[in-house]
Amino acid sequence: MRVLVVGHGGREHALVWKFSQSLKVKEIYAYPGNPGIFEIAKPVKGVSSLEELRDFAIKHKIDLTVVGPELYLAAGIADLFEASGLRVFGPKKEAAKLESSKSIAKDFMVRHNIPTATYFVAEDLSTASSYIKNSLHKLVIKADGLAQGKGVFVTDTQKEAIEAAGEMLGGAFGEASKKVVIEQRLEGPEISVFVLADKNNYVILPVAMDHKRAFDNDEGPNTGGMGAIAPIEIPKQLQDQIENKIIKPTIKGLIEDNISFSGVLFIGLILTEDGPSVLEYNVRLGDPETQAILPLIQNDLYVLINDLMDQKPTEVLLLDEVSCCVVLASKGYPNEFKKGVPIKLPLCQKNQLIFHSGTDIKDGQLINLGGRVLSLVGLGKDLSQAQENAYDLANKVEMENKYYRSDIGKKTLNIYD
């Protein structure tokens, strides 16, 4: 069988790595890919549009396409591929609005009685300011559209909230912030829940915890994610709450709204004193959570996805291990940083993996290209061992001005103390 993975980051490198272990998969192609991905997969060349990518998939008889980034899904890649008879694991454009528009997602949650924070949608600063001044809660200001995980301001005061709304509505994120969602700020630990779904058929992947802020102790600006831990052990009662009050109503709601969903439902949850509440929906695997989760899964990923899409009952089989993913970034990220810096990678030992997130090759030399450069994964019998293996890699990577958080996984130790 032939698989096409769409995307170019650490998430897609992890997907390609996992598909390469399948006895069913004989060829893997990637677009646009990165140097780490191309150590495993074949590059798609001469393609500059989704239509040309579809034509490539038809010509090369691709059996399954898996889409990583939300931008491709929001642009309608699944609609285009399915219309040509290609099997694609990723939601169509209508379903992708759960991620591409936070206001649509919030309306969906309210309509289907899914727990979420109270909210207000504003399209101008005057309206936003009026709501903020009358609010009795601390607030979170979010860009309505796609902003690469950075369009969120968690504020402490009304002044901060008004400034954040003004910055967004003033064009900080272009079209994505022409409209803002103003939410009550909830308190509690945050977790990432990933559901592989096709219509009514679904399986739940190990729960993960992302680390969004740039600096230790959850300080600094939001990023695309600086690290992740999996699995997060949560009580059975809470697992049941999440499935019965959030996952099942979400899937039922999609069906009631006549939205055909096939792909990944990524639910960002906050565990409040009143129970789990949805912070946001995404419609693809998370990055860096994917890099932490996939090494724990024993299943053949190709078989798992196809069984789901064929409406066969299935379950996720896991290794009895813990995973820690530390993102190595360019100093200055998520703001300006120097590109083209040479990188020398260490050799991976047992229970260590390196996934490329933002790299390139110039004159035979591996260099940084993005703010998030590498995803360094350690596995272990417990969290402490997984952390040790991940940070061993981080210390050994040779790159000028490298930066990584030193506390990935630290807060998970105290969630339920």
Protein backbone atom coordinates (compact mmCIF):
# COMPACT_ATOMS: atom_id res chain seq x y z
CA MET A 1 0.00 0.00 0.00
CA ARG A 2 1.06 3.59 -0.65
CA VAL A 3 0.65 6.41 1.85
CA LEU A 4 0.94 10.18 1.36
CA VAL A 5 1.60 12.36 4.41
CA VAL A 6 0.91 16.08 3.95
CA GLY A 7 2.88 18.53 6.11
CA HIS A 8 6.45 19.46 6.98
CA GLY A 9 6.87 19.45 10.76
CA GLY A 10 7.67 17.19 13.67
CA ARG A 11 4.12 15.83 13.68
CA GLU A 12 4.45 14.67 10.08
CA HIS A 13 7.92 13.20 10.72
CA ALA A 14 6.39 11.16 13.56
CA LEU A 15 3.54 10.01 11.27
CA VAL A 16 5.96 8.95 8.54
CA TRP A 17 8.10 7.14 11.13
CA LYS A 18 5.04 5.29 12.43
CA PHE A 19 3.76 4.35 8.96
CA SER A 20 7.22 3.02 8.08
CA GLN A 21 6.73 0.30 10.72
CA SER A 22 3.59 -1.02 9.00
CA LEU A 23 3.84 -4.35 7.21
CA LYS A 24 1.04 -3.15 4.92
CA VAL A 25 2.80 0.02 3.72
CA LYS A 26 5.30 -0.41 0.90
CA GLU A 27 5.80 3.22 -0.15
CA ILE A 28 5.49 6.51 1.72
CA TYR A 29 5.44 9.91 0.03
CA ALA A 30 5.55 13.28 1.79
CA TYR A 31 4.67 16.84 0.79
CA PRO A 32 6.26 19.27 1.38
CA GLY A 33 8.29 17.31 3.96
CA ASN A 34 11.62 18.07 5.63
CA PRO A 35 15.12 16.52 5.78
CA GLY A 36 14.19 14.12 8.59
CA ILE A 37 11.05 12.98 6.79
CA PHE A 38 12.98 12.37 3.57
CA GLU A 39 15.27 9.90 5.34
CA ILE A 40 12.17 7.65 5.36
CA ALA A 41 9.71 8.92 2.73
CA LYS A 42 9.97 9.85 -0.93
CA PRO A 43 9.54 13.57 -1.73
CA VAL A 44 6.68 14.79 -3.89
CA LYS A 45 8.31 16.94 -6.57
CA GLY A 46 6.97 19.47 -9.06
CA VAL A 47 3.81 20.24 -7.08
CA SER A 48 2.71 23.75 -6.15
CA SER A 49 -1.07 23.47 -5.61
CA LEU A 50 -3.59 21.15 -4.01
CA GLU A 51 -4.90 20.24 -7.46
CA GLU A 52 -1.43 19.16 -8.56
CA LEU A 53 -1.04 17.20 -5.33
CA ARG A 54 -4.33 15.43 -6.04
CA ASP A 55 -3.13 14.60 -9.54
CA PHE A 56 0.10 13.19 -8.07
CA ALA A 57 -1.94 11.02 -5.67
CA ILE A 58 -4.04 9.67 -8.55
CA LYS A 59 -1.02 9.02 -10.78
CA HIS A 60 0.92 7.23 -8.02
CA LYS A 61 -2.13 5.27 -6.83
CA ILE A 62 -1.99 6.52 -3.25
CA ASP A 63 -4.14 4.31 -1.01
CA LEU A 64 -4.32 6.66 1.97
CA THR A 65 -3.56 10.35 2.45
CA VAL A 66 -3.12 11.69 5.99
CA VAL A 67 -3.15 15.46 6.43
CA GLY A 68 -1.20 17.08 9.28
CA PRO A 69 -1.60 20.89 9.22
CA GLU A 70 -4.92 22.66 9.71
CA LEU A 71 -4.29 25.10 6.85
CA TYR A 72 -4.60 22.34 4.23
CA LEU A 73 -7.81 21.08 5.86
CA ALA A 74 -9.31 24.56 6.04
CA ALA A 75 -8.45 25.01 2.36
CA GLY A 76 -10.51 21.92 1.46
CA ILE A 77 -7.89 19.29 0.63
CA ALA A 78 -10.16 16.49 1.88
CA ASP A 79 -13.07 17.66 -0.30
CA LEU A 80 -10.79 17.80 -3.34
CA PHE A 81 -9.25 14.36 -2.80
CA GLU A 82 -12.53 12.61 -1.93
CA ALA A 83 -14.22 14.05 -5.03
CA SER A 84 -11.59 12.20 -7.08
CA GLY A 85 -12.14 8.91 -5.26
CA LEU A 86 -9.04 9.16 -3.06
CA ARG A 87 -9.13 7.96 0.54
CA VAL A 88 -8.10 10.76 2.88
CA PHE A 89 -7.99 10.82 6.67
CA GLY A 90 -8.78 14.42 7.52
CA PRO A 91 -12.05 16.34 7.74
CA LYS A 92 -13.67 18.27 4.92
CA LYS A 93 -13.73 22.06 4.85
CA GLU A 94 -17.11 22.35 6.61
CA ALA A 95 -15.99 20.14 9.50
CA ALA A 96 -12.63 21.93 9.67
CA LYS A 97 -14.48 25.10 10.69
CA LEU A 98 -14.49 23.67 14.21
CA GLU A 99 -10.86 24.77 14.23
CA SER A 100 -10.73 27.50 11.60
CA SER A 101 -13.41 29.56 13.38
CA LYS A 102 -13.51 29.69 17.17
CA SER A 103 -16.87 31.44 17.13
CA ILE A 104 -18.39 28.63 15.04
CA ALA A 105 -16.87 26.09 17.45
CA LYS A 106 -18.27 27.90 20.50
CA ASP A 107 -21.72 28.10 18.90
CA PHE A 108 -21.49 24.34 18.20
CA MET A 109 -20.62 23.59 21.84
CA VAL A 110 -23.50 25.66 23.19
CA ARG A 111 -25.94 24.17 20.68
CA HIS A 112 -25.03 20.63 21.76
CA ASN A 113 -24.68 21.27 25.50
CA ILE A 114 -20.95 20.66 25.62
CA PRO A 115 -19.30 22.34 28.64
CA THR A 116 -17.26 25.41 27.73
CA ALA A 117 -16.54 28.88 29.11
CA THR A 118 -19.01 31.73 28.65
CA TYR A 119 -18.03 33.88 25.67
CA PHE A 120 -18.74 36.91 23.53
CA VAL A 121 -17.85 37.61 19.90
CA ALA A 122 -16.74 41.09 18.83
CA GLU A 123 -15.78 42.56 15.47
CA ASP A 124 -14.76 46.04 16.63
CA LEU A 125 -12.87 47.44 19.60
CA SER A 126 -15.77 49.53 20.90
CA THR A 127 -18.00 46.46 21.26
CA ALA A 128 -15.16 44.39 22.71
CA SER A 129 -14.24 47.09 25.25
CA SER A 130 -17.83 47.50 26.38
CA TYR A 131 -18.15 43.78 27.08
CA ILE A 132 -14.76 43.62 28.84
CA LYS A 133 -15.57 46.59 31.11
CA ASN A 134 -18.80 44.92 32.22
CA SER A 135 -17.26 41.49 32.79
CA LEU A 136 -16.84 40.22 36.35
CA HIS A 137 -14.23 37.60 35.36
CA LYS A 138 -10.66 37.47 34.19
CA LEU A 139 -10.70 36.97 30.43
CA VAL A 140 -9.00 35.21 27.53
CA ILE A 141 -8.92 36.96 24.15
CA LYS A 142 -8.73 34.72 21.08
CA ALA A 143 -8.40 35.38 17.37
CA ASP A 144 -11.38 33.81 15.64
CA GLY A 145 -9.36 32.29 12.80
CA LEU A 146 -6.17 30.25 12.38
CA ALA A 147 -3.12 31.88 13.96
CA GLN A 148 -0.70 28.91 14.24
CA GLY A 149 -1.46 28.41 17.91
CA LYS A 150 -0.39 31.94 18.85
CA GLY A 151 -3.65 33.90 18.65
CA VAL A 152 -4.52 33.64 22.34
CA PHE A 153 -3.95 36.21 25.09
CA VAL A 154 -4.56 35.14 28.69
CA THR A 155 -5.16 38.37 30.62
CA ASP A 156 -5.26 39.35 34.29
CA THR A 157 -6.88 42.80 34.10
CA GLN A 158 -9.48 44.64 32.05
CA LYS A 159 -6.73 46.92 30.76
CA GLU A 160 -4.74 43.92 29.47
CA ALA A 161 -7.87 42.44 27.89
CA ILE A 162 -8.74 45.68 26.07
CA GLU A 163 -5.14 46.05 24.84
CA ALA A 164 -5.14 42.43 23.59
CA ALA A 165 -8.46 42.90 21.79
CA GLY A 166 -7.19 46.15 20.26
CA GLU A 167 -4.01 44.50 19.05
CA MET A 168 -5.92 41.62 17.46
CA LEU A 169 -8.68 43.69 15.88
CA GLY A 170 -5.97 46.07 14.68
CA GLY A 171 -4.60 43.33 12.46
CA ALA A 172 -2.03 41.47 14.61
CA PHE A 173 -3.02 38.20 12.95
CA GLY A 174 -4.42 39.52 9.67
CA GLU A 175 -7.71 37.97 8.58
CA ALA A 176 -7.59 35.56 11.52
CA SER A 177 -8.21 38.35 14.04
CA LYS A 178 -10.79 40.46 12.19
CA LYS A 179 -13.13 38.95 14.76
CA VAL A 180 -12.26 38.01 18.36
CA VAL A 181 -13.77 35.61 20.88
CA ILE A 182 -13.71 36.91 24.45
CA GLU A 183 -13.97 34.09 27.00
CA GLN A 184 -14.21 33.74 30.74
CA ARG A 185 -10.80 32.62 31.98
CA LEU A 186 -11.10 29.18 33.56
CA GLU A 187 -8.61 27.77 36.07
CA GLY A 188 -7.12 24.28 36.24
CA PRO A 189 -4.66 21.95 34.53
CA GLU A 190 -5.00 21.59 30.75
CA ILE A 191 -4.85 18.32 28.83
CA SER A 192 -5.05 17.31 25.18
CA VAL A 193 -7.49 14.56 24.17
CA PHE A 194 -7.17 13.06 20.69
CA VAL A 195 -9.96 11.06 19.07
CA LEU A 196 -9.54 9.25 15.77
CA ALA A 197 -13.02 9.25 14.30
CA ASP A 198 -15.00 8.35 11.22
CA LYS A 199 -18.70 9.09 11.58
CA ASN A 200 -19.83 7.11 14.68
CA ASN A 201 -16.71 4.96 14.87
CA TYR A 202 -13.94 6.29 17.10
CA VAL A 203 -11.00 5.45 19.36
CA ILE A 204 -9.35 7.61 21.99
CA LEU A 205 -5.57 8.01 22.01
CA PRO A 206 -3.48 8.43 25.19
CA VAL A 207 -4.12 11.73 26.95
CA ALA A 208 -1.25 14.21 26.59
CA MET A 209 -0.22 17.49 28.16
CA ASP A 210 1.21 20.27 26.01
CA HIS A 211 3.38 23.14 27.27
CA LYS A 212 2.33 26.22 25.30
CA ARG A 213 4.25 29.07 26.94
CA ALA A 214 7.74 29.89 25.69
CA PHE A 215 9.55 29.88 29.02
CA ASP A 216 9.85 27.79 32.17
CA ASN A 217 7.07 27.94 34.77
CA ASP A 218 4.55 28.66 32.00
CA GLU A 219 5.80 32.18 31.51
CA GLY A 220 6.23 34.21 28.33
CA PRO A 221 4.19 34.31 25.11
CA ASN A 222 2.18 31.42 23.68
CA THR A 223 3.93 29.23 21.12
CA GLY A 224 3.01 26.34 18.89
CA GLY A 225 4.08 24.09 21.79
CA MET A 226 7.40 23.64 23.61
CA GLY A 227 6.97 20.05 24.73
CA ALA A 228 4.52 17.34 25.70
CA ILE A 229 4.06 14.40 28.05
CA ALA A 230 2.01 11.24 27.50
CA PRO A 231 0.14 9.41 28.81
CA ILE A 232 -1.43 11.55 31.50
CA GLU A 233 -3.06 9.17 33.97
CA ILE A 234 -6.49 10.45 34.94
CA PRO A 235 -9.11 8.83 37.19
CA LYS A 236 -11.66 6.49 35.60
CA GLN A 237 -14.50 8.77 36.70
CA LEU A 238 -12.91 11.70 34.85
CA GLN A 239 -12.28 9.54 31.76
CA ASP A 240 -15.97 8.63 31.71
CA GLN A 241 -16.97 12.29 32.15
CA ILE A 242 -14.82 13.34 29.21
CA GLU A 243 -16.18 10.61 26.97
CA ASN A 244 -19.85 10.93 27.94
CA LYS A 245 -20.13 14.70 28.31
CA ILE A 246 -17.70 15.86 25.63
CA ILE A 247 -16.57 13.25 23.09
CA LYS A 248 -19.88 11.49 22.45
CA PRO A 249 -21.93 14.74 22.32
CA THR A 250 -19.38 16.19 19.89
CA ILE A 251 -19.63 13.23 17.52
CA LYS A 252 -23.42 13.12 17.89
CA GLY A 253 -23.56 16.88 17.28
CA LEU A 254 -21.61 16.60 14.05
CA ILE A 255 -24.03 13.95 12.80
CA GLU A 256 -27.07 16.03 13.84
CA ASP A 257 -25.61 19.02 12.00
CA ASN A 258 -25.12 16.84 8.89
CA ILE A 259 -21.35 17.30 9.03
CA SER A 260 -19.47 14.21 7.88
CA PHE A 261 -16.34 13.87 9.98
CA SER A 262 -13.37 11.64 9.21
CA GLY A 263 -10.07 12.41 10.85
CA VAL A 264 -8.68 13.57 14.17
CA LEU A 265 -10.72 15.42 16.74
CA PHE A 266 -8.25 17.17 19.06
CA ILE A 267 -10.05 18.52 22.13
CA GLY A 268 -8.20 20.96 24.35
CA LEU A 269 -9.64 20.55 27.84
CA ILE A 270 -9.25 22.37 31.14
CA LEU A 271 -9.98 20.43 34.32
CA THR A 272 -11.91 22.88 36.49
CA GLU A 273 -13.42 22.35 39.94
CA ASP A 274 -16.78 21.96 38.19
CA GLY A 275 -15.48 19.30 35.79
CA PRO A 276 -13.79 19.20 32.38
CA SER A 277 -14.53 22.07 30.00
CA VAL A 278 -13.61 22.50 26.33
CA LEU A 279 -11.11 25.27 25.59
CA GLU A 280 -10.97 24.60 21.87
CA TYR A 281 -11.39 22.07 19.10
CA ASN A 282 -8.72 21.26 16.56
CA VAL A 283 -9.29 18.90 13.65
CA ARG A 284 -5.83 17.38 13.34
CA LEU A 285 -3.14 15.85 15.49
CA GLY A 286 -1.32 18.21 17.81
CA ASP A 287 2.31 19.20 17.53
CA PRO A 288 4.25 18.31 19.72
CA GLU A 289 1.73 15.90 21.31
CA THR A 290 1.87 13.58 18.28
CA GLN A 291 5.61 13.10 18.75
CA ALA A 292 4.97 11.99 22.34
CA ILE A 293 1.92 9.81 21.63
CA LEU A 294 2.77 7.79 18.50
CA PRO A 295 5.81 6.02 20.02
CA LEU A 296 3.49 4.61 22.71
CA ILE A 297 1.04 3.02 20.24
CA GLN A 298 1.57 -0.65 19.40
CA ASN A 299 -1.02 -0.78 16.61
CA ASP A 300 -0.14 -0.69 12.94
CA LEU A 301 -1.28 2.89 12.23
CA TYR A 302 -2.27 2.13 8.64
CA VAL A 303 -4.51 -0.74 9.77
CA LEU A 304 -5.96 1.29 12.66
CA ILE A 305 -7.00 4.18 10.42
CA ASN A 306 -8.41 1.99 7.68
CA ASP A 307 -10.38 -0.15 10.14
CA LEU A 308 -11.90 3.01 11.55
CA MET A 309 -12.83 4.27 8.11
CA ASP A 310 -14.30 0.86 7.24
CA GLN A 311 -16.47 1.08 10.40
CA LYS A 312 -14.77 -1.93 11.99
CA PRO A 313 -14.54 -2.12 15.78
CA THR A 314 -10.99 -1.47 16.94
CA GLU A 315 -8.98 -0.47 19.98
CA VAL A 316 -5.69 1.27 20.68
CA LEU A 317 -2.95 -0.95 22.15
CA LEU A 318 -0.28 0.80 24.19
CA LEU A 319 3.22 0.14 25.42
CA ASP A 320 3.58 0.26 29.20
CA GLU A 321 5.84 3.29 28.97
CA VAL A 322 5.85 7.08 29.39
CA SER A 323 6.94 9.57 26.74
CA CYS A 324 8.47 13.02 27.09
CA CYS A 325 8.93 15.30 24.07
CA VAL A 326 11.15 18.37 24.45
CA VAL A 327 11.03 20.93 21.63
CA LEU A 328 14.39 22.46 20.80
CA ALA A 329 13.80 25.95 19.41
CA SER A 330 15.79 28.80 17.93
CA LYS A 331 16.56 31.44 20.56
CA GLY A 332 14.09 34.30 20.13
CA TYR A 333 11.13 32.09 19.14
CA PRO A 334 8.18 32.82 18.94
CA ASN A 335 9.48 36.23 17.89
CA GLU A 336 12.47 36.92 15.61
CA PHE A 337 15.26 34.38 15.43
CA LYS A 338 18.31 33.66 13.31
CA LYS A 339 17.90 31.18 10.44
CA GLY A 340 20.50 29.07 8.71
CA VAL A 341 22.31 28.03 11.90
CA PRO A 342 24.22 24.72 11.48
CA ILE A 343 22.98 21.73 13.49
CA LYS A 344 24.83 18.57 14.50
CA LEU A 345 22.63 15.78 15.80
CA PRO A 346 23.68 13.20 18.41
CA LEU A 347 23.17 9.48 17.88
CA CYS A 348 19.96 8.21 19.43
CA GLN A 349 20.26 5.54 22.08
CA LYS A 350 17.54 3.06 22.98
CA ASN A 351 14.36 4.87 24.03
CA GLN A 352 15.34 8.08 22.22
CA LEU A 353 13.90 9.59 19.02
CA ILE A 354 14.58 12.77 17.05
CA PHE A 355 11.86 14.26 14.85
CA HIS A 356 12.64 17.24 12.61
CA SER A 357 10.30 20.20 13.07
CA GLY A 358 11.94 23.15 11.30
CA THR A 359 15.10 22.09 9.48
CA ASP A 360 16.60 22.34 6.02
CA ILE A 361 19.78 21.28 4.25
CA LYS A 362 22.13 23.82 2.66
CA ASP A 363 25.36 22.75 0.96
CA GLY A 364 25.09 19.38 2.66
CA GLN A 365 24.73 20.91 6.12
CA LEU A 366 21.64 20.51 8.31
CA ILE A 367 20.43 23.98 9.39
CA ASN A 368 17.53 25.51 11.28
CA LEU A 369 14.67 26.93 9.24
CA GLY A 370 11.83 27.35 11.73
CA GLY A 371 11.44 28.60 15.26
CA ARG A 372 10.75 25.11 16.51
CA VAL A 373 13.65 23.08 15.15
CA LEU A 374 13.61 19.57 16.63
CA SER A 375 11.31 17.37 18.70
CA LEU A 376 13.43 15.29 21.06
CA VAL A 377 11.59 12.30 22.51
CA GLY A 378 12.56 10.16 25.45
CA LEU A 379 10.73 6.99 26.49
CA GLY A 380 10.96 5.30 29.87
CA LYS A 381 9.30 3.07 32.40
CA ASP A 382 8.23 6.22 34.25
CA LEU A 383 8.14 9.97 33.66
CA SER A 384 11.47 10.60 35.35
CA GLN A 385 13.27 8.17 33.05
CA ALA A 386 11.48 9.56 29.97
CA GLN A 387 12.52 13.10 30.93
CA GLU A 388 16.12 11.99 31.46
CA ASN A 389 16.26 10.42 27.99
CA ALA A 390 14.70 13.47 26.29
CA TYR A 391 16.92 16.01 28.02
CA ASP A 392 19.99 13.92 27.31
CA LEU A 393 19.31 14.49 23.60
CA ALA A 394 18.56 18.19 24.11
CA ASN A 395 21.90 18.70 25.86
CA LYS A 396 23.82 16.90 23.12
CA VAL A 397 22.36 18.68 20.07
CA GLU A 398 24.98 21.10 18.77
CA MET A 399 23.35 24.33 17.57
CA GLU A 400 24.27 27.92 18.33
CA ASN A 401 21.53 29.81 20.17
CA LYS A 402 19.47 26.69 20.83
CA TYR A 403 16.74 27.05 23.42
CA TYR A 404 14.43 24.64 25.22
CA ARG A 405 12.35 24.65 28.36
CA SER A 406 13.91 22.81 31.28
CA ASP A 407 10.62 21.89 32.96
CA ILE A 408 8.69 19.77 30.46
CA GLY A 409 6.58 17.35 32.49
CA LYS A 410 7.27 18.99 35.82
CA LYS A 411 3.73 20.25 36.33
CA THR A 412 2.20 16.87 35.43
CA LEU A 413 3.68 15.40 38.59
CA ASN A 414 1.45 17.59 40.75
CA ILE A 415 -1.89 17.62 38.91
CA TYR A 416 -3.77 15.49 41.40
CA ASP A 417 -1.66 15.96 44.54
